[in-house]
Amino acid sequence: MIFLTHNRDPHEVNLGWHRKAEELIRRPDLQQPERSQNGSWKVRYRTGAEGRRYVATLLDPIAARTPYRRVRYAF
């Protein structure tokens, strides 16, 4: 499993192709804007205690049930 950042261009494409999925991915209440190395804007999950809590909500059960599975972050 890989957590991905999300930027405007795929967001626009996904709205046309997979609107319901995009509504689940695009969560401004859980995400924050960030400028990428190439200068474009992307969205990533919020940092800090709140973001760590959401990540732990996902990672803890995975680690308990499938400790041989690794979850990594792609930026």
PDB file of N, CA and C in Angstrom:
ATOM      1  N   MET A   1       0.851  -1.164   0.000  1.00  0.00           N
ATOM      2  CA  MET A   1       0.000   0.000   0.000  1.00  0.00           C
ATOM      3  C   MET A   1       0.897   1.226   0.000  1.00  0.00           C
ATOM      4  N   ILE A   2       0.523   2.193  -0.766  1.00  0.00           N
ATOM      5  CA  ILE A   2       1.308   3.412  -0.873  1.00  0.00           C
ATOM      6  C   ILE A   2       0.375   4.606  -0.704  1.00  0.00           C
ATOM      7  N   PHE A   3       0.723   5.524   0.187  1.00  0.00           N
ATOM      8  CA  PHE A   3       0.009   6.790   0.293  1.00  0.00           C
ATOM      9  C   PHE A   3       0.580   7.716  -0.768  1.00  0.00           C
ATOM     10  N   LEU A   4      -0.264   8.320  -1.534  1.00  0.00           N
ATOM     11  CA  LEU A   4       0.203   9.217  -2.585  1.00  0.00           C
ATOM     12  C   LEU A   4      -0.248  10.643  -2.328  1.00  0.00           C
ATOM     13  N   THR A   5       0.581  11.567  -2.748  1.00  0.00           N
ATOM     14  CA  THR A   5       0.138  12.951  -2.761  1.00  0.00           C
ATOM     15  C   THR A   5      -0.785  13.119  -3.968  1.00  0.00           C
ATOM     16  N   HIS A   6      -1.455  14.208  -4.029  1.00  0.00           N
ATOM     17  CA  HIS A   6      -2.483  14.395  -5.048  1.00  0.00           C
ATOM     18  C   HIS A   6      -2.362  15.815  -5.574  1.00  0.00           C
ATOM     19  N   ASN A   7      -2.363  15.984  -6.877  1.00  0.00           N
ATOM     20  CA  ASN A   7      -2.276  17.355  -7.386  1.00  0.00           C
ATOM     21  C   ASN A   7      -3.463  17.698  -8.276  1.00  0.00           C
ATOM     22  N   ARG A   8      -3.514  18.935  -8.699  1.00  0.00           N
ATOM     23  CA  ARG A   8      -4.696  19.467  -9.391  1.00  0.00           C
ATOM     24  C   ARG A   8      -4.987  18.764 -10.709  1.00  0.00           C
ATOM     25  N   ASP A   9      -3.976  18.500 -11.513  1.00  0.00           N
ATOM     26  CA  ASP A   9      -4.245  17.910 -12.838  1.00  0.00           C
ATOM     27  C   ASP A   9      -4.920  16.544 -12.749  1.00  0.00           C
ATOM     28  N   PRO A  10      -4.389  15.588 -11.972  1.00  0.00           N
ATOM     29  CA  PRO A  10      -5.109  14.322 -11.844  1.00  0.00           C
ATOM     30  C   PRO A  10      -6.484  14.498 -11.195  1.00  0.00           C
ATOM     31  N   HIS A  11      -6.600  15.477 -10.308  1.00  0.00           N
ATOM     32  CA  HIS A  11      -7.899  15.742  -9.684  1.00  0.00           C
ATOM     33  C   HIS A  11      -8.940  16.070 -10.747  1.00  0.00           C
ATOM     34  N   GLU A  12      -8.590  16.935 -11.679  1.00  0.00           N
ATOM     35  CA  GLU A  12      -9.526  17.312 -12.742  1.00  0.00           C
ATOM     36  C   GLU A  12      -9.872  16.114 -13.624  1.00  0.00           C
ATOM     37  N   VAL A  13      -8.890  15.306 -13.974  1.00  0.00           N
ATOM     38  CA  VAL A  13      -9.143  14.108 -14.787  1.00  0.00           C
ATOM     39  C   VAL A  13     -10.024  13.132 -14.022  1.00  0.00           C
ATOM     40  N   ASN A  14      -9.701  12.914 -12.754  1.00  0.00           N
ATOM     41  CA  ASN A  14     -10.469  11.963 -11.949  1.00  0.00           C
ATOM     42  C   ASN A  14     -11.911  12.393 -11.755  1.00  0.00           C
ATOM     43  N   LEU A  15     -12.159  13.700 -11.702  1.00  0.00           N
ATOM     44  CA  LEU A  15     -13.541  14.160 -11.579  1.00  0.00           C
ATOM     45  C   LEU A  15     -14.378  13.681 -12.757  1.00  0.00           C
ATOM     46  N   GLY A  16     -13.776  13.637 -13.938  1.00  0.00           N
ATOM     47  CA  GLY A  16     -14.492  13.159 -15.113  1.00  0.00           C
ATOM     48  C   GLY A  16     -14.606  11.647 -15.174  1.00  0.00           C
ATOM     49  N   TRP A  17     -13.586  10.960 -14.711  1.00  0.00           N
ATOM     50  CA  TRP A  17     -13.560   9.494 -14.829  1.00  0.00           C
ATOM     51  C   TRP A  17     -14.161   8.772 -13.633  1.00  0.00           C
ATOM     52  N   HIS A  18     -13.815   9.245 -12.443  1.00  0.00           N
ATOM     53  CA  HIS A  18     -14.191   8.518 -11.221  1.00  0.00           C
ATOM     54  C   HIS A  18     -14.622   9.497 -10.136  1.00  0.00           C
ATOM     55  N   ARG A  19     -15.690  10.189 -10.379  1.00  0.00           N
ATOM     56  CA  ARG A  19     -16.116  11.256  -9.469  1.00  0.00           C
ATOM     57  C   ARG A  19     -16.301  10.757  -8.034  1.00  0.00           C
ATOM     58  N   LYS A  20     -16.933   9.610  -7.837  1.00  0.00           N
ATOM     59  CA  LYS A  20     -17.165   9.122  -6.474  1.00  0.00           C
ATOM     60  C   LYS A  20     -15.854   8.809  -5.763  1.00  0.00           C
ATOM     61  N   ALA A  21     -14.929   8.187  -6.458  1.00  0.00           N
ATOM     62  CA  ALA A  21     -13.624   7.895  -5.853  1.00  0.00           C
ATOM     63  C   ALA A  21     -12.894   9.189  -5.526  1.00  0.00           C
ATOM     64  N   GLU A  22     -12.984  10.140  -6.411  1.00  0.00           N
ATOM     65  CA  GLU A  22     -12.310  11.421  -6.188  1.00  0.00           C
ATOM     66  C   GLU A  22     -12.878  12.140  -4.972  1.00  0.00           C
ATOM     67  N   GLU A  23     -14.165  11.995  -4.745  1.00  0.00           N
ATOM     68  CA  GLU A  23     -14.767  12.613  -3.565  1.00  0.00           C
ATOM     69  C   GLU A  23     -14.214  12.001  -2.281  1.00  0.00           C
ATOM     70  N   LEU A  24     -13.823  10.731  -2.327  1.00  0.00           N
ATOM     71  CA  LEU A  24     -13.206  10.088  -1.163  1.00  0.00           C
ATOM     72  C   LEU A  24     -11.749  10.495  -0.997  1.00  0.00           C
ATOM     73  N   ILE A  25     -11.056  10.686  -2.116  1.00  0.00           N
ATOM     74  CA  ILE A  25      -9.632  11.044  -2.074  1.00  0.00           C
ATOM     75  C   ILE A  25      -9.437  12.491  -1.661  1.00  0.00           C
ATOM     76  N   ARG A  26     -10.232  13.369  -2.214  1.00  0.00           N
ATOM     77  CA  ARG A  26     -10.069  14.805  -1.987  1.00  0.00           C
ATOM     78  C   ARG A  26     -10.747  15.180  -0.675  1.00  0.00           C
ATOM     79  N   ARG A  27      -9.977  15.342   0.374  1.00  0.00           N
ATOM     80  CA  ARG A  27     -10.508  15.637   1.706  1.00  0.00           C
ATOM     81  C   ARG A  27      -9.794  16.839   2.290  1.00  0.00           C
ATOM     82  N   PRO A  28     -10.206  18.056   1.951  1.00  0.00           N
ATOM     83  CA  PRO A  28      -9.538  19.256   2.459  1.00  0.00           C
ATOM     84  C   PRO A  28      -9.463  19.308   3.985  1.00  0.00           C
ATOM     85  N   ASP A  29     -10.402  18.657   4.671  1.00  0.00           N
ATOM     86  CA  ASP A  29     -10.360  18.647   6.129  1.00  0.00           C
ATOM     87  C   ASP A  29      -9.200  17.812   6.661  1.00  0.00           C
ATOM     88  N   LEU A  30      -8.669  16.888   5.849  1.00  0.00           N
ATOM     89  CA  LEU A  30      -7.566  16.029   6.264  1.00  0.00           C
ATOM     90  C   LEU A  30      -6.269  16.346   5.538  1.00  0.00           C
ATOM     91  N   GLN A  31      -6.330  17.245   4.572  1.00  0.00           N
ATOM     92  CA  GLN A  31      -5.188  17.492   3.707  1.00  0.00           C
ATOM     93  C   GLN A  31      -4.732  18.941   3.775  1.00  0.00           C
ATOM     94  N   GLN A  32      -3.547  19.165   3.292  1.00  0.00           N
ATOM     95  CA  GLN A  32      -2.997  20.518   3.235  1.00  0.00           C
ATOM     96  C   GLN A  32      -2.271  20.697   1.913  1.00  0.00           C
ATOM     97  N   PRO A  33      -2.287  21.911   1.366  1.00  0.00           N
ATOM     98  CA  PRO A  33      -1.560  22.160   0.118  1.00  0.00           C
ATOM     99  C   PRO A  33      -0.055  22.192   0.375  1.00  0.00           C
ATOM    100  N   GLU A  34       0.698  21.830  -0.627  1.00  0.00           N
ATOM    101  CA  GLU A  34       2.158  21.847  -0.529  1.00  0.00           C
ATOM    102  C   GLU A  34       2.727  22.053  -1.929  1.00  0.00           C
ATOM    103  N   ARG A  35       3.752  22.838  -2.039  1.00  0.00           N
ATOM    104  CA  ARG A  35       4.386  23.047  -3.336  1.00  0.00           C
ATOM    105  C   ARG A  35       5.415  21.950  -3.564  1.00  0.00           C
ATOM    106  N   SER A  36       5.347  21.293  -4.722  1.00  0.00           N
ATOM    107  CA  SER A  36       6.278  20.219  -5.034  1.00  0.00           C
ATOM    108  C   SER A  36       7.602  20.788  -5.538  1.00  0.00           C
ATOM    109  N   GLN A  37       8.574  19.911  -5.725  1.00  0.00           N
ATOM    110  CA  GLN A  37       9.889  20.340  -6.185  1.00  0.00           C
ATOM    111  C   GLN A  37       9.845  20.971  -7.565  1.00  0.00           C
ATOM    112  N   ASN A  38       8.877  20.569  -8.382  1.00  0.00           N
ATOM    113  CA  ASN A  38       8.795  21.147  -9.728  1.00  0.00           C
ATOM    114  C   ASN A  38       7.993  22.441  -9.759  1.00  0.00           C
ATOM    115  N   GLY A  39       7.526  22.890  -8.582  1.00  0.00           N
ATOM    116  CA  GLY A  39       6.825  24.162  -8.491  1.00  0.00           C
ATOM    117  C   GLY A  39       5.315  24.079  -8.548  1.00  0.00           C
ATOM    118  N   SER A  40       4.763  22.913  -8.864  1.00  0.00           N
ATOM    119  CA  SER A  40       3.304  22.792  -8.914  1.00  0.00           C
ATOM    120  C   SER A  40       2.758  22.533  -7.507  1.00  0.00           C
ATOM    121  N   TRP A  41       1.462  22.795  -7.349  1.00  0.00           N
ATOM    122  CA  TRP A  41       0.830  22.563  -6.058  1.00  0.00           C
ATOM    123  C   TRP A  41       0.279  21.159  -5.994  1.00  0.00           C
ATOM    124  N   LYS A  42       0.399  20.533  -4.853  1.00  0.00           N
ATOM    125  CA  LYS A  42      -0.163  19.209  -4.615  1.00  0.00           C
ATOM    126  C   LYS A  42      -0.855  19.222  -3.259  1.00  0.00           C
ATOM    127  N   VAL A  43      -1.530  18.166  -2.949  1.00  0.00           N
ATOM    128  CA  VAL A  43      -2.225  18.031  -1.682  1.00  0.00           C
ATOM    129  C   VAL A  43      -1.643  16.827  -0.970  1.00  0.00           C
ATOM    130  N   ARG A  44      -1.358  16.975   0.307  1.00  0.00           N
ATOM    131  CA  ARG A  44      -0.862  15.858   1.104  1.00  0.00           C
ATOM    132  C   ARG A  44      -1.638  15.816   2.405  1.00  0.00           C
ATOM    133  N   TYR A  45      -1.551  14.693   3.098  1.00  0.00           N
ATOM    134  CA  TYR A  45      -2.233  14.594   4.385  1.00  0.00           C
ATOM    135  C   TYR A  45      -1.576  15.519   5.386  1.00  0.00           C
ATOM    136  N   ARG A  46      -2.372  16.121   6.242  1.00  0.00           N
ATOM    137  CA  ARG A  46      -1.875  17.072   7.227  1.00  0.00           C
ATOM    138  C   ARG A  46      -0.814  16.440   8.115  1.00  0.00           C
ATOM    139  N   THR A  47       0.150  17.249   8.476  1.00  0.00           N
ATOM    140  CA  THR A  47       1.177  16.816   9.407  1.00  0.00           C
ATOM    141  C   THR A  47       0.730  17.131  10.831  1.00  0.00           C
ATOM    142  N   GLY A  48       1.459  16.665  11.774  1.00  0.00           N
ATOM    143  CA  GLY A  48       1.127  16.941  13.172  1.00  0.00           C
ATOM    144  C   GLY A  48       0.341  15.817  13.799  1.00  0.00           C
ATOM    145  N   ALA A  49      -0.101  16.057  15.019  1.00  0.00           N
ATOM    146  CA  ALA A  49      -0.767  15.024  15.814  1.00  0.00           C
ATOM    147  C   ALA A  49      -2.019  14.486  15.142  1.00  0.00           C
ATOM    148  N   GLU A  50      -2.819  15.355  14.555  1.00  0.00           N
ATOM    149  CA  GLU A  50      -4.061  14.908  13.920  1.00  0.00           C
ATOM    150  C   GLU A  50      -3.762  13.967  12.758  1.00  0.00           C
ATOM    151  N   GLY A  51      -2.812  14.345  11.916  1.00  0.00           N
ATOM    152  CA  GLY A  51      -2.439  13.497  10.791  1.00  0.00           C
ATOM    153  C   GLY A  51      -1.884  12.156  11.249  1.00  0.00           C
ATOM    154  N   ARG A  52      -1.059  12.173  12.289  1.00  0.00           N
ATOM    155  CA  ARG A  52      -0.506  10.918  12.805  1.00  0.00           C
ATOM    156  C   ARG A  52      -1.605  10.010  13.338  1.00  0.00           C
ATOM    157  N   ARG A  53      -2.628  10.604  13.933  1.00  0.00           N
ATOM    158  CA  ARG A  53      -3.741   9.806  14.460  1.00  0.00           C
ATOM    159  C   ARG A  53      -4.472   9.085  13.318  1.00  0.00           C
ATOM    160  N   TYR A  54      -4.715   9.795  12.222  1.00  0.00           N
ATOM    161  CA  TYR A  54      -5.388   9.163  11.086  1.00  0.00           C
ATOM    162  C   TYR A  54      -4.529   8.062  10.483  1.00  0.00           C
ATOM    163  N   VAL A  55      -3.255   8.320  10.372  1.00  0.00           N
ATOM    164  CA  VAL A  55      -2.354   7.307   9.824  1.00  0.00           C
ATOM    165  C   VAL A  55      -2.321   6.093  10.744  1.00  0.00           C
ATOM    166  N   ALA A  56      -2.248   6.299  12.048  1.00  0.00           N
ATOM    167  CA  ALA A  56      -2.230   5.186  12.996  1.00  0.00           C
ATOM    168  C   ALA A  56      -3.519   4.376  12.924  1.00  0.00           C
ATOM    169  N   THR A  57      -4.647   5.046  12.680  1.00  0.00           N
ATOM    170  CA  THR A  57      -5.924   4.348  12.549  1.00  0.00           C
ATOM    171  C   THR A  57      -5.882   3.324  11.421  1.00  0.00           C
ATOM    172  N   LEU A  58      -5.123   3.620  10.393  1.00  0.00           N
ATOM    173  CA  LEU A  58      -4.969   2.690   9.281  1.00  0.00           C
ATOM    174  C   LEU A  58      -3.838   1.691   9.529  1.00  0.00           C
ATOM    175  N   LEU A  59      -2.694   2.192   9.981  1.00  0.00           N
ATOM    176  CA  LEU A  59      -1.510   1.336  10.078  1.00  0.00           C
ATOM    177  C   LEU A  59      -1.568   0.324  11.214  1.00  0.00           C
ATOM    178  N   ASP A  60      -2.113   0.683  12.347  1.00  0.00           N
ATOM    179  CA  ASP A  60      -2.113  -0.231  13.492  1.00  0.00           C
ATOM    180  C   ASP A  60      -2.826  -1.554  13.202  1.00  0.00           C
ATOM    181  N   PRO A  61      -4.044  -1.526  12.646  1.00  0.00           N
ATOM    182  CA  PRO A  61      -4.695  -2.802  12.332  1.00  0.00           C
ATOM    183  C   PRO A  61      -3.946  -3.611  11.259  1.00  0.00           C
ATOM    184  N   ILE A  62      -3.349  -2.917  10.299  1.00  0.00           N
ATOM    185  CA  ILE A  62      -2.583  -3.628   9.274  1.00  0.00           C
ATOM    186  C   ILE A  62      -1.404  -4.335   9.912  1.00  0.00           C
ATOM    187  N   ALA A  63      -0.675  -3.643  10.781  1.00  0.00           N
ATOM    188  CA  ALA A  63       0.482  -4.234  11.449  1.00  0.00           C
ATOM    189  C   ALA A  63       0.075  -5.405  12.330  1.00  0.00           C
ATOM    190  N   ALA A  64      -1.073  -5.299  12.970  1.00  0.00           N
ATOM    191  CA  ALA A  64      -1.532  -6.376  13.849  1.00  0.00           C
ATOM    192  C   ALA A  64      -1.933  -7.622  13.066  1.00  0.00           C
ATOM    193  N   ARG A  65      -2.555  -7.430  11.926  1.00  0.00           N
ATOM    194  CA  ARG A  65      -3.067  -8.572  11.152  1.00  0.00           C
ATOM    195  C   ARG A  65      -2.076  -9.111  10.132  1.00  0.00           C
ATOM    196  N   THR A  66      -1.286  -8.228   9.562  1.00  0.00           N
ATOM    197  CA  THR A  66      -0.346  -8.633   8.511  1.00  0.00           C
ATOM    198  C   THR A  66       1.001  -7.945   8.727  1.00  0.00           C
ATOM    199  N   PRO A  67       1.746  -8.362   9.758  1.00  0.00           N
ATOM    200  CA  PRO A  67       3.011  -7.688  10.056  1.00  0.00           C
ATOM    201  C   PRO A  67       4.045  -7.812   8.933  1.00  0.00           C
ATOM    202  N   TYR A  68       3.838  -8.732   8.021  1.00  0.00           N
ATOM    203  CA  TYR A  68       4.753  -8.920   6.885  1.00  0.00           C
ATOM    204  C   TYR A  68       4.454  -7.948   5.749  1.00  0.00           C
ATOM    205  N   ARG A  69       3.353  -7.186   5.848  1.00  0.00           N
ATOM    206  CA  ARG A  69       3.024  -6.175   4.835  1.00  0.00           C
ATOM    207  C   ARG A  69       3.585  -4.831   5.270  1.00  0.00           C
ATOM    208  N   ARG A  70       4.174  -4.133   4.350  1.00  0.00           N
ATOM    209  CA  ARG A  70       4.761  -2.844   4.653  1.00  0.00           C
ATOM    210  C   ARG A  70       3.967  -1.739   3.983  1.00  0.00           C
ATOM    211  N   VAL A  71       3.699  -0.704   4.695  1.00  0.00           N
ATOM    212  CA  VAL A  71       3.054   0.475   4.123  1.00  0.00           C
ATOM    213  C   VAL A  71       4.114   1.541   4.026  1.00  0.00           C
ATOM    214  N   ARG A  72       4.269   2.111   2.857  1.00  0.00           N
ATOM    215  CA  ARG A  72       5.288   3.154   2.667  1.00  0.00           C
ATOM    216  C   ARG A  72       4.665   4.391   2.096  1.00  0.00           C
ATOM    217  N   TYR A  73       5.401   5.477   2.192  1.00  0.00           N
ATOM    218  CA  TYR A  73       4.938   6.773   1.704  1.00  0.00           C
ATOM    219  C   TYR A  73       5.696   7.130   0.437  1.00  0.00           C
ATOM    220  N   ALA A  74       4.981   7.633  -0.551  1.00  0.00           N
ATOM    221  CA  ALA A  74       5.602   8.099  -1.791  1.00  0.00           C
ATOM    222  C   ALA A  74       5.356   9.598  -1.895  1.00  0.00           C
ATOM    223  N   PHE A  75       6.413  10.362  -2.109  1.00  0.00           N
ATOM    224  CA  PHE A  75       6.271  11.812  -2.214  1.00  0.00           C
ATOM    225  C   PHE A  75       6.855  12.288  -3.511  1.00  0.00           C
TER     226      PHE A  75
END
